[in-house]
Amino acid sequence: MKFATCLNCMDGRVQLPVISWIKNNYKVDFVDMITEAGMNGFLADSNNDISDILKKTDVSLARAGSMNIIFIVGHHNCLGNPVEEKKHKEQVNIAVEKIKTSKPKANVIGLWVSDEWKVEKII
């Protein structure tokens, strides 16, 4: 079995589209989902302590079958991070770079979920 890791918003509307997209595009069987309200904004904000998220990411990456891929998601109409799409995408980029620094052996990919619940790779 193959696994990916996803740092996503807790919003239930984005879970299934993101899981389906990852499974279809990266040929994994399961996606470990680590959630936080407005995850991309939370990770991008240098004032936030992300140690708990990094610890959970380590657990996921240590799993037998881990593909060593981490996805970071931003999405339309996020109540936990109510900013415009452009700002969301900037935050995803910042978060990807931050996680790459912490997990240099992982492939870190940024995703955006549109107002139609379609997933696109942005970095």
N, C-alpha and C. Protein backbone atom coordinates (compact mmCIF):
# COMPACT_ATOMS: atom_id res chain seq x y z
N MET A 1 0.83 -1.19 0.00
CA MET A 1 0.00 0.00 0.00
C MET A 1 0.88 1.25 0.00
N LYS A 2 0.43 2.25 -0.75
CA LYS A 2 1.17 3.50 -0.86
C LYS A 2 0.38 4.62 -0.19
N PHE A 3 1.12 5.48 0.55
CA PHE A 3 0.51 6.57 1.31
C PHE A 3 1.13 7.92 0.93
N ALA A 4 0.29 8.96 0.98
CA ALA A 4 0.74 10.34 0.88
C ALA A 4 0.30 11.06 2.15
N THR A 5 0.89 12.22 2.41
CA THR A 5 0.55 13.04 3.57
C THR A 5 -0.04 14.35 3.07
N CYS A 6 -1.11 14.81 3.69
CA CYS A 6 -1.74 16.06 3.27
C CYS A 6 -1.99 16.96 4.47
N LEU A 7 -1.52 18.20 4.38
CA LEU A 7 -1.77 19.23 5.38
C LEU A 7 -2.89 20.10 4.82
N ASN A 8 -4.08 19.92 5.38
CA ASN A 8 -5.28 20.46 4.77
C ASN A 8 -6.10 21.24 5.80
N CYS A 9 -7.02 22.03 5.30
CA CYS A 9 -7.99 22.70 6.17
C CYS A 9 -8.93 21.66 6.76
N MET A 10 -9.48 21.96 7.91
CA MET A 10 -10.41 21.03 8.55
C MET A 10 -11.78 21.03 7.87
N ASP A 11 -12.03 21.97 6.98
CA ASP A 11 -13.31 22.09 6.28
C ASP A 11 -13.64 20.79 5.54
N GLY A 12 -14.72 20.15 5.92
CA GLY A 12 -15.11 18.87 5.34
C GLY A 12 -15.40 18.91 3.86
N ARG A 13 -15.68 20.09 3.31
CA ARG A 13 -15.97 20.19 1.88
C ARG A 13 -14.75 19.90 1.01
N VAL A 14 -13.56 20.10 1.55
CA VAL A 14 -12.36 19.92 0.72
C VAL A 14 -11.72 18.54 0.85
N GLN A 15 -12.13 17.77 1.84
CA GLN A 15 -11.47 16.49 2.09
C GLN A 15 -11.59 15.53 0.90
N LEU A 16 -12.80 15.22 0.48
CA LEU A 16 -12.98 14.24 -0.59
C LEU A 16 -12.40 14.69 -1.93
N PRO A 17 -12.63 15.94 -2.37
CA PRO A 17 -12.00 16.34 -3.63
C PRO A 17 -10.48 16.23 -3.60
N VAL A 18 -9.87 16.60 -2.48
CA VAL A 18 -8.42 16.55 -2.36
C VAL A 18 -7.93 15.10 -2.34
N ILE A 19 -8.57 14.26 -1.55
CA ILE A 19 -8.16 12.85 -1.49
C ILE A 19 -8.29 12.21 -2.86
N SER A 20 -9.40 12.43 -3.54
CA SER A 20 -9.61 11.84 -4.87
C SER A 20 -8.55 12.32 -5.85
N TRP A 21 -8.26 13.63 -5.83
CA TRP A 21 -7.28 14.18 -6.77
C TRP A 21 -5.90 13.59 -6.50
N ILE A 22 -5.50 13.52 -5.26
CA ILE A 22 -4.18 12.96 -4.92
C ILE A 22 -4.11 11.50 -5.35
N LYS A 23 -5.12 10.72 -5.03
CA LYS A 23 -5.11 9.30 -5.39
C LYS A 23 -5.05 9.11 -6.90
N ASN A 24 -5.78 9.92 -7.64
CA ASN A 24 -5.80 9.79 -9.10
C ASN A 24 -4.52 10.26 -9.78
N ASN A 25 -3.89 11.29 -9.21
CA ASN A 25 -2.72 11.89 -9.86
C ASN A 25 -1.38 11.37 -9.36
N TYR A 26 -1.36 10.75 -8.20
CA TYR A 26 -0.10 10.28 -7.63
C TYR A 26 -0.11 8.79 -7.31
N LYS A 27 -1.14 8.10 -7.73
CA LYS A 27 -1.21 6.64 -7.62
C LYS A 27 -0.90 6.14 -6.20
N VAL A 28 -1.52 6.79 -5.23
CA VAL A 28 -1.42 6.31 -3.85
C VAL A 28 -2.75 5.67 -3.47
N ASP A 29 -2.70 4.80 -2.47
CA ASP A 29 -3.90 4.12 -2.02
C ASP A 29 -4.63 4.90 -0.93
N PHE A 30 -3.86 5.59 -0.08
CA PHE A 30 -4.43 6.30 1.07
C PHE A 30 -3.73 7.64 1.27
N VAL A 31 -4.47 8.58 1.85
CA VAL A 31 -3.92 9.90 2.15
C VAL A 31 -4.09 10.16 3.65
N ASP A 32 -2.97 10.30 4.36
CA ASP A 32 -3.01 10.70 5.76
C ASP A 32 -3.33 12.19 5.80
N MET A 33 -4.42 12.56 6.47
CA MET A 33 -4.88 13.94 6.49
C MET A 33 -4.60 14.56 7.86
N ILE A 34 -3.79 15.61 7.86
CA ILE A 34 -3.50 16.38 9.06
C ILE A 34 -4.19 17.73 8.85
N THR A 35 -5.11 18.08 9.76
CA THR A 35 -5.93 19.27 9.51
C THR A 35 -5.76 20.35 10.57
N GLU A 36 -6.05 21.56 10.12
CA GLU A 36 -6.05 22.76 10.95
C GLU A 36 -6.97 23.75 10.24
N ALA A 37 -7.71 24.53 10.97
CA ALA A 37 -8.53 25.57 10.34
C ALA A 37 -7.62 26.52 9.56
N GLY A 38 -7.87 26.65 8.27
CA GLY A 38 -7.05 27.53 7.44
C GLY A 38 -5.59 27.12 7.40
N MET A 39 -5.34 25.85 7.14
CA MET A 39 -3.98 25.28 7.24
C MET A 39 -2.92 26.10 6.51
N ASN A 40 -3.18 26.51 5.27
CA ASN A 40 -2.14 27.23 4.52
C ASN A 40 -1.78 28.55 5.20
N GLY A 41 -2.77 29.27 5.70
CA GLY A 41 -2.49 30.51 6.42
C GLY A 41 -1.81 30.25 7.75
N PHE A 42 -2.22 29.19 8.43
CA PHE A 42 -1.60 28.82 9.70
C PHE A 42 -0.12 28.52 9.52
N LEU A 43 0.21 27.74 8.49
CA LEU A 43 1.62 27.40 8.23
C LEU A 43 2.43 28.61 7.78
N ALA A 44 1.82 29.47 6.99
CA ALA A 44 2.55 30.62 6.44
C ALA A 44 2.85 31.69 7.49
N ASP A 45 2.05 31.76 8.54
CA ASP A 45 2.21 32.78 9.58
C ASP A 45 3.39 32.41 10.48
N SER A 46 4.44 33.20 10.45
CA SER A 46 5.65 32.90 11.22
C SER A 46 5.42 32.99 12.73
N ASN A 47 4.30 33.54 13.17
CA ASN A 47 4.01 33.62 14.60
C ASN A 47 3.41 32.34 15.17
N ASN A 48 3.03 31.41 14.31
CA ASN A 48 2.39 30.18 14.78
C ASN A 48 3.41 29.08 15.04
N ASP A 49 3.17 28.34 16.10
CA ASP A 49 3.99 27.18 16.43
C ASP A 49 3.46 25.99 15.64
N ILE A 50 4.26 25.50 14.70
CA ILE A 50 3.81 24.40 13.85
C ILE A 50 4.43 23.07 14.27
N SER A 51 5.02 23.02 15.46
CA SER A 51 5.71 21.80 15.90
C SER A 51 4.78 20.59 15.97
N ASP A 52 3.54 20.79 16.39
CA ASP A 52 2.60 19.67 16.45
C ASP A 52 2.29 19.12 15.06
N ILE A 53 2.13 20.01 14.10
CA ILE A 53 1.88 19.58 12.72
C ILE A 53 3.10 18.84 12.17
N LEU A 54 4.29 19.34 12.47
CA LEU A 54 5.51 18.66 12.00
C LEU A 54 5.65 17.28 12.64
N LYS A 55 5.29 17.16 13.91
CA LYS A 55 5.35 15.87 14.60
C LYS A 55 4.40 14.87 13.94
N LYS A 56 3.18 15.30 13.65
CA LYS A 56 2.21 14.44 12.98
C LYS A 56 2.67 14.09 11.56
N THR A 57 3.29 15.03 10.89
CA THR A 57 3.83 14.77 9.55
C THR A 57 4.92 13.71 9.62
N ASP A 58 5.77 13.78 10.64
CA ASP A 58 6.81 12.75 10.82
C ASP A 58 6.21 11.37 11.00
N VAL A 59 5.13 11.28 11.76
CA VAL A 59 4.46 9.98 11.97
C VAL A 59 3.97 9.45 10.62
N SER A 60 3.36 10.30 9.84
CA SER A 60 2.85 9.87 8.54
C SER A 60 3.98 9.45 7.61
N LEU A 61 5.04 10.23 7.56
CA LEU A 61 6.16 9.92 6.67
C LEU A 61 6.91 8.67 7.09
N ALA A 62 6.85 8.32 8.37
CA ALA A 62 7.55 7.13 8.88
C ALA A 62 6.79 5.84 8.58
N ARG A 63 5.55 5.95 8.15
CA ARG A 63 4.72 4.79 7.85
C ARG A 63 5.33 3.98 6.72
N ALA A 64 5.31 2.67 6.86
CA ALA A 64 5.73 1.80 5.77
C ALA A 64 4.82 2.08 4.58
N GLY A 65 5.40 2.28 3.43
CA GLY A 65 4.62 2.57 2.23
C GLY A 65 4.47 4.05 1.94
N SER A 66 5.02 4.92 2.81
CA SER A 66 4.94 6.35 2.56
C SER A 66 5.69 6.68 1.27
N MET A 67 5.06 7.46 0.41
CA MET A 67 5.68 7.89 -0.85
C MET A 67 6.56 9.13 -0.62
N ASN A 68 6.63 9.60 0.62
CA ASN A 68 7.42 10.78 0.97
C ASN A 68 6.95 12.03 0.21
N ILE A 69 5.64 12.13 0.05
CA ILE A 69 5.01 13.27 -0.61
C ILE A 69 4.12 13.98 0.41
N ILE A 70 4.25 15.31 0.48
CA ILE A 70 3.42 16.12 1.36
C ILE A 70 2.67 17.13 0.49
N PHE A 71 1.36 17.19 0.66
CA PHE A 71 0.53 18.18 -0.04
C PHE A 71 0.08 19.22 0.97
N ILE A 72 0.08 20.49 0.53
CA ILE A 72 -0.43 21.59 1.36
C ILE A 72 -1.55 22.25 0.57
N VAL A 73 -2.70 22.43 1.24
CA VAL A 73 -3.92 22.84 0.54
C VAL A 73 -4.43 24.19 1.04
N GLY A 74 -4.83 25.01 0.09
CA GLY A 74 -5.62 26.21 0.36
C GLY A 74 -6.91 26.07 -0.41
N HIS A 75 -7.99 26.72 0.06
CA HIS A 75 -9.25 26.57 -0.66
C HIS A 75 -10.14 27.80 -0.60
N HIS A 76 -11.02 27.89 -1.58
CA HIS A 76 -12.02 28.94 -1.70
C HIS A 76 -12.95 28.92 -0.48
N ASN A 77 -13.40 30.09 -0.06
CA ASN A 77 -14.41 30.24 0.99
C ASN A 77 -13.99 29.59 2.31
N CYS A 78 -12.74 29.81 2.69
CA CYS A 78 -12.20 29.23 3.92
C CYS A 78 -12.56 30.13 5.11
N LEU A 79 -13.31 29.58 6.06
CA LEU A 79 -13.69 30.36 7.24
C LEU A 79 -12.52 30.53 8.20
N GLY A 80 -11.60 29.59 8.21
CA GLY A 80 -10.46 29.66 9.10
C GLY A 80 -9.37 30.60 8.60
N ASN A 81 -9.45 30.96 7.32
CA ASN A 81 -8.46 31.84 6.69
C ASN A 81 -9.19 32.63 5.60
N PRO A 82 -10.00 33.61 6.00
CA PRO A 82 -10.87 34.32 5.05
C PRO A 82 -10.13 35.41 4.25
N VAL A 83 -9.31 34.98 3.31
CA VAL A 83 -8.57 35.91 2.46
C VAL A 83 -8.90 35.61 0.99
N GLU A 84 -8.47 36.50 0.12
CA GLU A 84 -8.72 36.34 -1.31
C GLU A 84 -7.86 35.21 -1.89
N GLU A 85 -8.27 34.70 -3.05
CA GLU A 85 -7.58 33.59 -3.70
C GLU A 85 -6.08 33.88 -3.89
N LYS A 86 -5.76 35.08 -4.34
CA LYS A 86 -4.35 35.42 -4.57
C LYS A 86 -3.54 35.26 -3.28
N LYS A 87 -4.08 35.73 -2.17
CA LYS A 87 -3.39 35.63 -0.88
C LYS A 87 -3.28 34.17 -0.45
N HIS A 88 -4.33 33.38 -0.65
CA HIS A 88 -4.28 31.95 -0.34
C HIS A 88 -3.12 31.29 -1.08
N LYS A 89 -3.02 31.57 -2.35
CA LYS A 89 -1.98 30.94 -3.17
C LYS A 89 -0.59 31.39 -2.72
N GLU A 90 -0.45 32.66 -2.35
CA GLU A 90 0.83 33.13 -1.79
C GLU A 90 1.16 32.36 -0.51
N GLN A 91 0.15 32.18 0.34
CA GLN A 91 0.36 31.45 1.59
C GLN A 91 0.72 29.99 1.33
N VAL A 92 0.09 29.38 0.35
CA VAL A 92 0.46 27.99 -0.01
C VAL A 92 1.93 27.95 -0.40
N ASN A 93 2.38 28.89 -1.22
CA ASN A 93 3.78 28.94 -1.64
C ASN A 93 4.72 29.09 -0.45
N ILE A 94 4.38 29.99 0.47
CA ILE A 94 5.19 30.19 1.68
C ILE A 94 5.22 28.91 2.51
N ALA A 95 4.05 28.30 2.68
CA ALA A 95 3.95 27.07 3.48
C ALA A 95 4.76 25.94 2.84
N VAL A 96 4.69 25.81 1.52
CA VAL A 96 5.47 24.77 0.83
C VAL A 96 6.95 24.97 1.11
N GLU A 97 7.44 26.19 0.99
CA GLU A 97 8.87 26.45 1.23
C GLU A 97 9.24 26.16 2.68
N LYS A 98 8.37 26.52 3.62
CA LYS A 98 8.63 26.28 5.03
C LYS A 98 8.71 24.78 5.32
N ILE A 99 7.79 24.02 4.77
CA ILE A 99 7.79 22.57 5.01
C ILE A 99 8.96 21.92 4.29
N LYS A 100 9.33 22.39 3.11
CA LYS A 100 10.51 21.87 2.40
C LYS A 100 11.76 22.05 3.26
N THR A 101 11.86 23.17 3.95
CA THR A 101 13.01 23.42 4.82
C THR A 101 13.04 22.43 5.98
N SER A 102 11.86 22.13 6.53
CA SER A 102 11.76 21.20 7.66
C SER A 102 11.88 19.74 7.24
N LYS A 103 11.45 19.45 6.04
CA LYS A 103 11.41 18.06 5.53
C LYS A 103 12.09 18.02 4.16
N PRO A 104 13.41 18.24 4.11
CA PRO A 104 14.10 18.38 2.81
C PRO A 104 14.07 17.13 1.93
N LYS A 105 13.83 15.96 2.50
CA LYS A 105 13.80 14.74 1.69
C LYS A 105 12.41 14.49 1.09
N ALA A 106 11.42 15.26 1.50
CA ALA A 106 10.06 15.07 1.01
C ALA A 106 9.81 15.91 -0.24
N ASN A 107 8.91 15.42 -1.08
CA ASN A 107 8.41 16.18 -2.22
C ASN A 107 7.19 16.94 -1.71
N VAL A 108 7.26 18.27 -1.66
CA VAL A 108 6.18 19.08 -1.09
C VAL A 108 5.47 19.81 -2.23
N ILE A 109 4.15 19.64 -2.28
CA ILE A 109 3.35 20.13 -3.40
C ILE A 109 2.20 20.97 -2.86
N GLY A 110 1.97 22.14 -3.47
CA GLY A 110 0.87 23.01 -3.09
C GLY A 110 -0.34 22.83 -3.98
N LEU A 111 -1.51 22.81 -3.36
CA LEU A 111 -2.76 22.63 -4.09
C LEU A 111 -3.74 23.76 -3.76
N TRP A 112 -4.59 24.07 -4.72
CA TRP A 112 -5.67 25.02 -4.54
C TRP A 112 -6.98 24.32 -4.89
N VAL A 113 -8.03 24.54 -4.08
CA VAL A 113 -9.36 24.01 -4.35
C VAL A 113 -10.27 25.20 -4.66
N SER A 114 -10.81 25.20 -5.87
CA SER A 114 -11.60 26.33 -6.38
C SER A 114 -13.01 26.36 -5.82
N ASP A 115 -13.76 27.38 -6.22
CA ASP A 115 -15.15 27.52 -5.81
C ASP A 115 -16.04 26.42 -6.41
N GLU A 116 -15.52 25.67 -7.38
CA GLU A 116 -16.25 24.53 -7.95
C GLU A 116 -15.74 23.22 -7.36
N TRP A 117 -14.91 23.31 -6.32
CA TRP A 117 -14.33 22.16 -5.62
C TRP A 117 -13.43 21.32 -6.52
N LYS A 118 -12.80 22.01 -7.48
CA LYS A 118 -11.83 21.37 -8.36
C LYS A 118 -10.44 21.67 -7.81
N VAL A 119 -9.59 20.67 -7.85
CA VAL A 119 -8.24 20.78 -7.29
C VAL A 119 -7.26 21.07 -8.40
N GLU A 120 -6.35 22.02 -8.13
CA GLU A 120 -5.29 22.31 -9.10
C GLU A 120 -3.95 22.39 -8.35
N LYS A 121 -2.93 21.91 -9.01
CA LYS A 121 -1.57 21.99 -8.47
C LYS A 121 -1.04 23.39 -8.76
N ILE A 122 -0.56 24.08 -7.73
CA ILE A 122 -0.04 25.43 -7.94
C ILE A 122 1.46 25.53 -7.70
N ILE A 123 2.04 24.57 -7.05
CA ILE A 123 3.50 24.55 -6.87
C ILE A 123 3.93 23.14 -6.56
